[in-house]
Amino acid sequence: MNRIQTINLTLLLAAAVAANAQGPRGPQAPSGTPNGTGLNMSAAKVISGAVTDVSIGYGAQYPTIVISQSQVKLAPAWFLLDADIEIKTGDTLKLTVAPSNNAADKYLYAVDVTKGTAFLRLRDAAGLPLWTGGMAAGNGQRQGQGSGSGGMGNGTGECQGCLDGASVATVAGTVDKTTAGIGIQFPSLVLATADGKLLTFRVGPERVLLAADFEITAGQKLTVTYAASTCREELVALTITDSAGRKIVLRNPDGTPAWN
């Protein structure tokens, strides 16, 4: 393992420890509001522009971004990760933001975020976080899609009802490469099959792999049960089994995440 891999692994383990310390879905504060005082939703406004700085907190901490010269707190990293929303410097975003009722708190708090065609609601009309009491129905939908079978799910960025049931298959092979970025990314893996094909699979949040102590590395022998997405041009892994017979279930047959 090289120095970069060691650093990355250390950061990921720190994230897992932080998440476990806070519980599976982060701290469940009674009010779930900034500094316990809530947001001034009457002062909510829309800002847009390029992200000039990103400060990502692991586990249940808030990532903070700078946009239009404003410091904006988003939501716990796992909530963004579940919605498959990655935010980095240079990204163009549109945010609805509101200030805290606490005059000493100078941050703005994002109520929703739009990145391209991806839309994620973070707080309800009262400014209360959607991650403290479970995600609201329809949260995380793609713009222009409804909440029916063709829409996005409950803030996970996963296609509910968007898998082609006839495409479910199982394949074995050797991991050619894997992408496992730090922060709010979904890893993917490329599997080299015995017949010379390279198949790329969307895996799931890194925290799910960490929690299951399931490591995916190049050269590893894996068996993947997967299906084709009908709302995205990609293959998604339903289950992954390693050479020792250890199995991780990532998604249900209808494509909904098994980690919710």
C-alpha atoms as a PDB file:
ATOM      1  CA  MET A   1       0.000   0.000   0.000  1.00  0.00           C
ATOM      2  CA  ASN A   2       1.510   3.344  -1.021  1.00  0.00           C
ATOM      3  CA  ARG A   3       1.534   6.524   1.002  1.00  0.00           C
ATOM      4  CA  ILE A   4      -1.535   8.046  -0.720  1.00  0.00           C
ATOM      5  CA  GLN A   5      -3.553   4.866  -0.218  1.00  0.00           C
ATOM      6  CA  THR A   6      -2.522   4.811   3.436  1.00  0.00           C
ATOM      7  CA  ILE A   7      -3.643   8.420   3.909  1.00  0.00           C
ATOM      8  CA  ASN A   8      -6.940   7.748   2.138  1.00  0.00           C
ATOM      9  CA  LEU A   9      -7.591   4.648   4.225  1.00  0.00           C
ATOM     10  CA  THR A  10      -6.845   6.564   7.408  1.00  0.00           C
ATOM     11  CA  LEU A  11      -9.316   9.297   6.433  1.00  0.00           C
ATOM     12  CA  LEU A  12     -11.988   6.754   5.535  1.00  0.00           C
ATOM     13  CA  LEU A  13     -11.565   4.890   8.803  1.00  0.00           C
ATOM     14  CA  ALA A  14     -11.787   8.181  10.664  1.00  0.00           C
ATOM     15  CA  ALA A  15     -15.018   8.899   8.821  1.00  0.00           C
ATOM     16  CA  ALA A  16     -16.410   5.502   9.765  1.00  0.00           C
ATOM     17  CA  VAL A  17     -15.487   5.971  13.415  1.00  0.00           C
ATOM     18  CA  ALA A  18     -17.123   9.405  13.434  1.00  0.00           C
ATOM     19  CA  ALA A  19     -20.258   8.040  11.819  1.00  0.00           C
ATOM     20  CA  ASN A  20     -20.474   5.146  14.283  1.00  0.00           C
ATOM     21  CA  ALA A  21     -19.996   7.495  17.188  1.00  0.00           C
ATOM     22  CA  GLN A  22     -22.904   9.582  15.974  1.00  0.00           C
ATOM     23  CA  GLY A  23     -25.142   6.645  15.053  1.00  0.00           C
ATOM     24  CA  PRO A  24     -26.039   5.348  11.607  1.00  0.00           C
ATOM     25  CA  ARG A  25     -27.686   8.563  10.514  1.00  0.00           C
ATOM     26  CA  GLY A  26     -25.733  11.201  12.378  1.00  0.00           C
ATOM     27  CA  PRO A  27     -26.675  13.036  15.556  1.00  0.00           C
ATOM     28  CA  GLN A  28     -30.392  13.110  16.210  1.00  0.00           C
ATOM     29  CA  ALA A  29     -30.697  16.525  17.826  1.00  0.00           C
ATOM     30  CA  PRO A  30     -34.141  17.223  19.307  1.00  0.00           C
ATOM     31  CA  SER A  31     -34.749  20.191  17.073  1.00  0.00           C
ATOM     32  CA  GLY A  32     -32.237  19.386  14.361  1.00  0.00           C
ATOM     33  CA  THR A  33     -31.703  23.102  13.852  1.00  0.00           C
ATOM     34  CA  PRO A  34     -28.550  25.227  13.841  1.00  0.00           C
ATOM     35  CA  ASN A  35     -27.506  26.100  17.376  1.00  0.00           C
ATOM     36  CA  GLY A  36     -30.927  24.890  18.509  1.00  0.00           C
ATOM     37  CA  THR A  37     -32.556  28.153  17.403  1.00  0.00           C
ATOM     38  CA  GLY A  38     -33.855  27.352  13.924  1.00  0.00           C
ATOM     39  CA  LEU A  39     -33.715  29.217  10.664  1.00  0.00           C
ATOM     40  CA  ASN A  40     -35.273  32.500   9.675  1.00  0.00           C
ATOM     41  CA  MET A  41     -37.191  31.132   6.692  1.00  0.00           C
ATOM     42  CA  SER A  42     -38.814  34.506   6.037  1.00  0.00           C
ATOM     43  CA  ALA A  43     -35.354  35.712   4.996  1.00  0.00           C
ATOM     44  CA  ALA A  44     -34.717  32.780   2.648  1.00  0.00           C
ATOM     45  CA  LYS A  45     -33.250  33.694  -0.730  1.00  0.00           C
ATOM     46  CA  VAL A  46     -31.785  32.062  -3.825  1.00  0.00           C
ATOM     47  CA  ILE A  47     -28.106  32.390  -4.634  1.00  0.00           C
ATOM     48  CA  SER A  48     -26.176  30.867  -7.511  1.00  0.00           C
ATOM     49  CA  GLY A  49     -22.670  30.834  -8.856  1.00  0.00           C
ATOM     50  CA  ALA A  50     -19.444  28.886  -8.826  1.00  0.00           C
ATOM     51  CA  VAL A  51     -18.176  27.189  -5.681  1.00  0.00           C
ATOM     52  CA  THR A  52     -14.905  28.824  -4.697  1.00  0.00           C
ATOM     53  CA  ASP A  53     -14.119  26.709  -1.631  1.00  0.00           C
ATOM     54  CA  VAL A  54     -15.265  23.414  -0.129  1.00  0.00           C
ATOM     55  CA  SER A  55     -14.692  22.229   3.424  1.00  0.00           C
ATOM     56  CA  ILE A  56     -15.947  18.666   3.836  1.00  0.00           C
ATOM     57  CA  GLY A  57     -16.623  17.266   7.282  1.00  0.00           C
ATOM     58  CA  TYR A  58     -16.725  13.503   7.566  1.00  0.00           C
ATOM     59  CA  GLY A  59     -19.399  11.426   9.233  1.00  0.00           C
ATOM     60  CA  ALA A  60     -22.192  13.590  10.560  1.00  0.00           C
ATOM     61  CA  GLN A  61     -20.432  16.934  10.186  1.00  0.00           C
ATOM     62  CA  TYR A  62     -21.577  19.682   7.860  1.00  0.00           C
ATOM     63  CA  PRO A  63     -19.691  20.349   4.658  1.00  0.00           C
ATOM     64  CA  THR A  64     -19.385  24.104   4.184  1.00  0.00           C
ATOM     65  CA  ILE A  65     -18.966  25.810   0.837  1.00  0.00           C
ATOM     66  CA  VAL A  66     -18.263  29.353  -0.302  1.00  0.00           C
ATOM     67  CA  ILE A  67     -20.506  30.594  -3.106  1.00  0.00           C
ATOM     68  CA  SER A  68     -21.218  34.194  -4.089  1.00  0.00           C
ATOM     69  CA  GLN A  69     -18.870  35.206  -1.245  1.00  0.00           C
ATOM     70  CA  SER A  70     -21.218  33.544   1.267  1.00  0.00           C
ATOM     71  CA  GLN A  71     -20.358  30.774   3.714  1.00  0.00           C
ATOM     72  CA  VAL A  72     -23.076  28.131   3.343  1.00  0.00           C
ATOM     73  CA  LYS A  73     -23.546  25.011   5.463  1.00  0.00           C
ATOM     74  CA  LEU A  74     -25.114  22.135   3.591  1.00  0.00           C
ATOM     75  CA  ALA A  75     -26.023  18.834   5.274  1.00  0.00           C
ATOM     76  CA  PRO A  76     -24.195  15.840   6.772  1.00  0.00           C
ATOM     77  CA  ALA A  77     -21.837  14.301   4.240  1.00  0.00           C
ATOM     78  CA  TRP A  78     -23.698  10.988   4.291  1.00  0.00           C
ATOM     79  CA  PHE A  79     -26.936  12.717   3.235  1.00  0.00           C
ATOM     80  CA  LEU A  80     -25.259  14.226   0.184  1.00  0.00           C
ATOM     81  CA  LEU A  81     -23.501  10.948  -0.516  1.00  0.00           C
ATOM     82  CA  ASP A  82     -26.786   9.021  -0.441  1.00  0.00           C
ATOM     83  CA  ALA A  83     -28.183  11.434  -3.026  1.00  0.00           C
ATOM     84  CA  ASP A  84     -25.077  10.964  -5.175  1.00  0.00           C
ATOM     85  CA  ILE A  85     -24.404  14.705  -5.001  1.00  0.00           C
ATOM     86  CA  GLU A  86     -20.707  15.520  -5.231  1.00  0.00           C
ATOM     87  CA  ILE A  87     -19.691  19.133  -4.773  1.00  0.00           C
ATOM     88  CA  LYS A  88     -16.247  20.414  -5.578  1.00  0.00           C
ATOM     89  CA  THR A  89     -14.533  23.721  -6.234  1.00  0.00           C
ATOM     90  CA  GLY A  90     -15.590  25.166  -9.574  1.00  0.00           C
ATOM     91  CA  ASP A  91     -19.035  23.556  -9.633  1.00  0.00           C
ATOM     92  CA  THR A  92     -21.920  25.857 -10.513  1.00  0.00           C
ATOM     93  CA  LEU A  93     -24.787  25.566  -8.034  1.00  0.00           C
ATOM     94  CA  LYS A  94     -28.132  27.143  -7.317  1.00  0.00           C
ATOM     95  CA  LEU A  95     -29.093  27.212  -3.640  1.00  0.00           C
ATOM     96  CA  THR A  96     -32.028  28.319  -1.569  1.00  0.00           C
ATOM     97  CA  VAL A  97     -30.484  29.514   1.680  1.00  0.00           C
ATOM     98  CA  ALA A  98     -31.689  30.962   4.970  1.00  0.00           C
ATOM     99  CA  PRO A  99     -29.894  32.561   7.930  1.00  0.00           C
ATOM    100  CA  SER A 100     -30.016  31.287  11.474  1.00  0.00           C
ATOM    101  CA  ASN A 101     -32.289  32.984  13.995  1.00  0.00           C
ATOM    102  CA  ASN A 102     -29.196  33.226  16.158  1.00  0.00           C
ATOM    103  CA  ALA A 103     -27.649  36.588  15.287  1.00  0.00           C
ATOM    104  CA  ALA A 104     -24.234  35.321  16.371  1.00  0.00           C
ATOM    105  CA  ASP A 105     -24.346  32.584  13.739  1.00  0.00           C
ATOM    106  CA  LYS A 106     -23.094  34.190  10.535  1.00  0.00           C
ATOM    107  CA  TYR A 107     -23.506  31.136   8.313  1.00  0.00           C
ATOM    108  CA  LEU A 108     -26.234  30.633   5.767  1.00  0.00           C
ATOM    109  CA  TYR A 109     -27.933  27.234   5.697  1.00  0.00           C
ATOM    110  CA  ALA A 110     -28.926  25.525   2.459  1.00  0.00           C
ATOM    111  CA  VAL A 111     -32.603  24.594   2.170  1.00  0.00           C
ATOM    112  CA  ASP A 112     -32.121  22.938  -1.207  1.00  0.00           C
ATOM    113  CA  VAL A 113     -29.360  22.553  -3.746  1.00  0.00           C
ATOM    114  CA  THR A 114     -29.462  22.253  -7.525  1.00  0.00           C
ATOM    115  CA  LYS A 115     -26.471  21.022  -9.504  1.00  0.00           C
ATOM    116  CA  GLY A 116     -27.181  20.699 -13.197  1.00  0.00           C
ATOM    117  CA  THR A 117     -30.283  18.505 -13.429  1.00  0.00           C
ATOM    118  CA  ALA A 118     -29.859  17.131  -9.910  1.00  0.00           C
ATOM    119  CA  PHE A 119     -32.043  18.638  -7.185  1.00  0.00           C
ATOM    120  CA  LEU A 120     -31.853  17.758  -3.487  1.00  0.00           C
ATOM    121  CA  ARG A 121     -34.050  19.195  -0.737  1.00  0.00           C
ATOM    122  CA  LEU A 122     -32.201  19.458   2.575  1.00  0.00           C
ATOM    123  CA  ARG A 123     -34.755  21.119   4.843  1.00  0.00           C
ATOM    124  CA  ASP A 124     -38.514  21.449   4.987  1.00  0.00           C
ATOM    125  CA  ALA A 125     -40.611  24.618   4.809  1.00  0.00           C
ATOM    126  CA  ALA A 126     -39.952  25.289   8.495  1.00  0.00           C
ATOM    127  CA  GLY A 127     -36.209  24.933   8.019  1.00  0.00           C
ATOM    128  CA  LEU A 128     -36.008  21.597   9.817  1.00  0.00           C
ATOM    129  CA  PRO A 129     -33.486  19.085   8.421  1.00  0.00           C
ATOM    130  CA  LEU A 130     -34.914  16.165   6.483  1.00  0.00           C
ATOM    131  CA  TRP A 131     -32.162  13.859   7.711  1.00  0.00           C
ATOM    132  CA  THR A 132     -33.032  13.826  11.418  1.00  0.00           C
ATOM    133  CA  GLY A 133     -36.395  12.118  11.263  1.00  0.00           C
ATOM    134  CA  GLY A 134     -36.010  10.167   8.037  1.00  0.00           C
ATOM    135  CA  MET A 135     -36.096  11.474   4.513  1.00  0.00           C
ATOM    136  CA  ALA A 136     -39.275  12.949   3.150  1.00  0.00           C
ATOM    137  CA  ALA A 137     -40.992  11.229   0.267  1.00  0.00           C
ATOM    138  CA  GLY A 138     -39.837  12.540  -3.076  1.00  0.00           C
ATOM    139  CA  ASN A 139     -36.713  14.109  -1.630  1.00  0.00           C
ATOM    140  CA  GLY A 140     -33.782  14.021  -3.982  1.00  0.00           C
ATOM    141  CA  GLN A 141     -35.832  13.803  -7.175  1.00  0.00           C
ATOM    142  CA  ARG A 142     -34.326  14.799 -10.455  1.00  0.00           C
ATOM    143  CA  GLN A 143     -35.876  17.939 -11.838  1.00  0.00           C
ATOM    144  CA  GLY A 144     -38.516  17.197 -14.428  1.00  0.00           C
ATOM    145  CA  GLN A 145     -39.314  13.777 -12.953  1.00  0.00           C
ATOM    146  CA  GLY A 146     -42.196  12.820 -10.737  1.00  0.00           C
ATOM    147  CA  SER A 147     -42.346  10.637  -7.693  1.00  0.00           C
ATOM    148  CA  GLY A 148     -43.738   7.655  -9.577  1.00  0.00           C
ATOM    149  CA  SER A 149     -41.883   4.661 -10.876  1.00  0.00           C
ATOM    150  CA  GLY A 150     -39.801   6.757 -13.238  1.00  0.00           C
ATOM    151  CA  GLY A 151     -38.660   9.234 -10.597  1.00  0.00           C
ATOM    152  CA  MET A 152     -35.795   9.214  -8.185  1.00  0.00           C
ATOM    153  CA  GLY A 153     -36.168   7.751  -4.734  1.00  0.00           C
ATOM    154  CA  ASN A 154     -35.952   9.041  -1.226  1.00  0.00           C
ATOM    155  CA  GLY A 155     -32.874  11.217  -1.412  1.00  0.00           C
ATOM    156  CA  THR A 156     -30.491   8.382  -2.195  1.00  0.00           C
ATOM    157  CA  GLY A 157     -29.783   9.170  -5.816  1.00  0.00           C
ATOM    158  CA  GLU A 158     -30.916   5.612  -6.576  1.00  0.00           C
ATOM    159  CA  CYS A 159     -33.401   4.649  -9.251  1.00  0.00           C
ATOM    160  CA  GLN A 160     -36.491   3.181  -7.624  1.00  0.00           C
ATOM    161  CA  GLY A 161     -38.447   1.164 -10.135  1.00  0.00           C
ATOM    162  CA  CYS A 162     -35.818   2.010 -12.741  1.00  0.00           C
ATOM    163  CA  LEU A 163     -34.131  -1.366 -13.007  1.00  0.00           C
ATOM    164  CA  ASP A 164     -34.752  -3.707 -15.902  1.00  0.00           C
ATOM    165  CA  GLY A 165     -35.794  -6.905 -14.137  1.00  0.00           C
ATOM    166  CA  ALA A 166     -35.068  -8.951 -17.221  1.00  0.00           C
ATOM    167  CA  SER A 167     -31.457  -7.773 -17.157  1.00  0.00           C
ATOM    168  CA  VAL A 168     -30.583  -9.202 -13.727  1.00  0.00           C
ATOM    169  CA  ALA A 169     -27.539 -11.414 -14.089  1.00  0.00           C
ATOM    170  CA  THR A 170     -24.544 -12.707 -12.174  1.00  0.00           C
ATOM    171  CA  VAL A 171     -20.976 -12.551 -13.409  1.00  0.00           C
ATOM    172  CA  ALA A 172     -17.622 -13.493 -11.942  1.00  0.00           C
ATOM    173  CA  GLY A 173     -14.295 -11.938 -12.705  1.00  0.00           C
ATOM    174  CA  THR A 174     -11.268 -10.024 -11.501  1.00  0.00           C
ATOM    175  CA  VAL A 175     -11.360  -6.399 -10.411  1.00  0.00           C
ATOM    176  CA  ASP A 176      -9.483  -4.408 -13.041  1.00  0.00           C
ATOM    177  CA  LYS A 177      -9.809  -1.135 -11.154  1.00  0.00           C
ATOM    178  CA  THR A 178     -12.005   0.622  -8.657  1.00  0.00           C
ATOM    179  CA  THR A 179     -12.739   4.267  -7.889  1.00  0.00           C
ATOM    180  CA  ALA A 180     -13.044   5.009  -4.214  1.00  0.00           C
ATOM    181  CA  GLY A 181     -12.832   8.750  -3.623  1.00  0.00           C
ATOM    182  CA  ILE A 182     -12.824  10.368  -0.224  1.00  0.00           C
ATOM    183  CA  GLY A 183     -15.948  12.182   0.880  1.00  0.00           C
ATOM    184  CA  ILE A 184     -19.297  12.127  -0.870  1.00  0.00           C
ATOM    185  CA  GLN A 185     -18.683   9.796  -3.794  1.00  0.00           C
ATOM    186  CA  PHE A 186     -20.032   6.438  -4.863  1.00  0.00           C
ATOM    187  CA  PRO A 187     -17.263   3.993  -5.774  1.00  0.00           C
ATOM    188  CA  SER A 188     -17.536   2.041  -8.986  1.00  0.00           C
ATOM    189  CA  LEU A 189     -15.634  -1.034 -10.040  1.00  0.00           C
ATOM    190  CA  VAL A 190     -14.508  -2.438 -13.362  1.00  0.00           C
ATOM    191  CA  LEU A 191     -14.651  -6.219 -13.542  1.00  0.00           C
ATOM    192  CA  ALA A 192     -12.661  -8.189 -16.120  1.00  0.00           C
ATOM    193  CA  THR A 193     -14.600 -11.332 -17.011  1.00  0.00           C
ATOM    194  CA  ALA A 194     -13.239 -14.645 -18.275  1.00  0.00           C
ATOM    195  CA  ASP A 195     -14.458 -13.903 -21.812  1.00  0.00           C
ATOM    196  CA  GLY A 196     -12.401 -10.712 -21.984  1.00  0.00           C
ATOM    197  CA  LYS A 197     -15.161  -8.185 -21.275  1.00  0.00           C
ATOM    198  CA  LEU A 198     -14.796  -5.181 -18.989  1.00  0.00           C
ATOM    199  CA  LEU A 199     -17.996  -4.393 -17.084  1.00  0.00           C
ATOM    200  CA  THR A 200     -18.375  -1.261 -14.976  1.00  0.00           C
ATOM    201  CA  PHE A 201     -20.704  -1.379 -11.969  1.00  0.00           C
ATOM    202  CA  ARG A 202     -22.022   1.350  -9.715  1.00  0.00           C
ATOM    203  CA  VAL A 203     -21.389   0.095  -6.181  1.00  0.00           C
ATOM    204  CA  GLY A 204     -22.717   2.191  -3.284  1.00  0.00           C
ATOM    205  CA  PRO A 205     -21.600   4.646  -0.590  1.00  0.00           C
ATOM    206  CA  GLU A 206     -18.120   4.046   0.766  1.00  0.00           C
ATOM    207  CA  ARG A 207     -19.520   4.072   4.299  1.00  0.00           C
ATOM    208  CA  VAL A 208     -21.577   0.963   3.496  1.00  0.00           C
ATOM    209  CA  LEU A 209     -18.479  -0.929   2.406  1.00  0.00           C
ATOM    210  CA  LEU A 210     -16.583   0.295   5.448  1.00  0.00           C
ATOM    211  CA  ALA A 211     -19.362  -0.687   7.839  1.00  0.00           C
ATOM    212  CA  ALA A 212     -19.370  -4.197   6.367  1.00  0.00           C
ATOM    213  CA  ASP A 213     -15.561  -4.350   6.369  1.00  0.00           C
ATOM    214  CA  PHE A 214     -15.818  -5.212   2.694  1.00  0.00           C
ATOM    215  CA  GLU A 215     -12.751  -4.055   0.787  1.00  0.00           C
ATOM    216  CA  ILE A 216     -12.610  -3.934  -2.999  1.00  0.00           C
ATOM    217  CA  THR A 217      -9.156  -3.851  -4.552  1.00  0.00           C
ATOM    218  CA  ALA A 218      -7.655  -4.376  -7.987  1.00  0.00           C
ATOM    219  CA  GLY A 219      -6.841  -8.009  -8.691  1.00  0.00           C
ATOM    220  CA  GLN A 220      -9.542  -9.281  -6.349  1.00  0.00           C
ATOM    221  CA  LYS A 221     -11.862 -12.100  -7.462  1.00  0.00           C
ATOM    222  CA  LEU A 222     -15.517 -11.105  -7.138  1.00  0.00           C
ATOM    223  CA  THR A 223     -18.938 -12.341  -8.148  1.00  0.00           C
ATOM    224  CA  VAL A 224     -21.431  -9.561  -8.879  1.00  0.00           C
ATOM    225  CA  THR A 225     -25.189  -9.826  -9.259  1.00  0.00           C
ATOM    226  CA  TYR A 226     -26.298  -6.759 -11.176  1.00  0.00           C
ATOM    227  CA  ALA A 227     -28.999  -5.150 -13.302  1.00  0.00           C
ATOM    228  CA  ALA A 228     -29.197  -2.445 -15.939  1.00  0.00           C
ATOM    229  CA  SER A 229     -30.652   0.903 -14.962  1.00  0.00           C
ATOM    230  CA  THR A 230     -33.434   2.188 -17.195  1.00  0.00           C
ATOM    231  CA  CYS A 231     -33.104   5.790 -15.973  1.00  0.00           C
ATOM    232  CA  ARG A 232     -29.322   5.897 -16.269  1.00  0.00           C
ATOM    233  CA  GLU A 233     -27.038   4.241 -18.761  1.00  0.00           C
ATOM    234  CA  GLU A 234     -25.194   2.129 -16.227  1.00  0.00           C
ATOM    235  CA  LEU A 235     -25.046  -1.237 -14.512  1.00  0.00           C
ATOM    236  CA  VAL A 236     -25.731  -1.266 -10.773  1.00  0.00           C
ATOM    237  CA  ALA A 237     -24.519  -3.930  -8.370  1.00  0.00           C
ATOM    238  CA  LEU A 238     -27.204  -5.641  -6.309  1.00  0.00           C
ATOM    239  CA  THR A 239     -24.871  -7.939  -4.385  1.00  0.00           C
ATOM    240  CA  ILE A 240     -21.117  -8.554  -4.371  1.00  0.00           C
ATOM    241  CA  THR A 241     -19.480 -11.749  -3.123  1.00  0.00           C
ATOM    242  CA  ASP A 242     -15.740 -12.148  -2.606  1.00  0.00           C
ATOM    243  CA  SER A 243     -13.623 -15.276  -3.058  1.00  0.00           C
ATOM    244  CA  ALA A 244     -14.063 -16.178   0.616  1.00  0.00           C
ATOM    245  CA  GLY A 245     -17.836 -16.271   0.213  1.00  0.00           C
ATOM    246  CA  ARG A 246     -18.469 -13.013   2.061  1.00  0.00           C
ATOM    247  CA  LYS A 247     -21.475 -11.258   0.531  1.00  0.00           C
ATOM    248  CA  ILE A 248     -22.644  -7.666   0.755  1.00  0.00           C
ATOM    249  CA  VAL A 249     -26.189  -6.767  -0.284  1.00  0.00           C
ATOM    250  CA  LEU A 250     -26.292  -3.278  -1.777  1.00  0.00           C
ATOM    251  CA  ARG A 251     -29.727  -3.010  -3.368  1.00  0.00           C
ATOM    252  CA  ASN A 252     -33.101  -4.675  -3.296  1.00  0.00           C
ATOM    253  CA  PRO A 253     -34.524  -6.320  -6.438  1.00  0.00           C
ATOM    254  CA  ASP A 254     -36.404  -3.115  -7.342  1.00  0.00           C
ATOM    255  CA  GLY A 255     -33.209  -1.093  -7.174  1.00  0.00           C
ATOM    256  CA  THR A 256     -33.904   0.627  -3.865  1.00  0.00           C
ATOM    257  CA  PRO A 257     -30.828   0.907  -1.616  1.00  0.00           C
ATOM    258  CA  ALA A 258     -30.491  -1.810   1.020  1.00  0.00           C
ATOM    259  CA  TRP A 259     -28.619   0.654   3.247  1.00  0.00           C
ATOM    260  CA  ASN A 260     -31.668   2.816   4.049  1.00  0.00           C
END
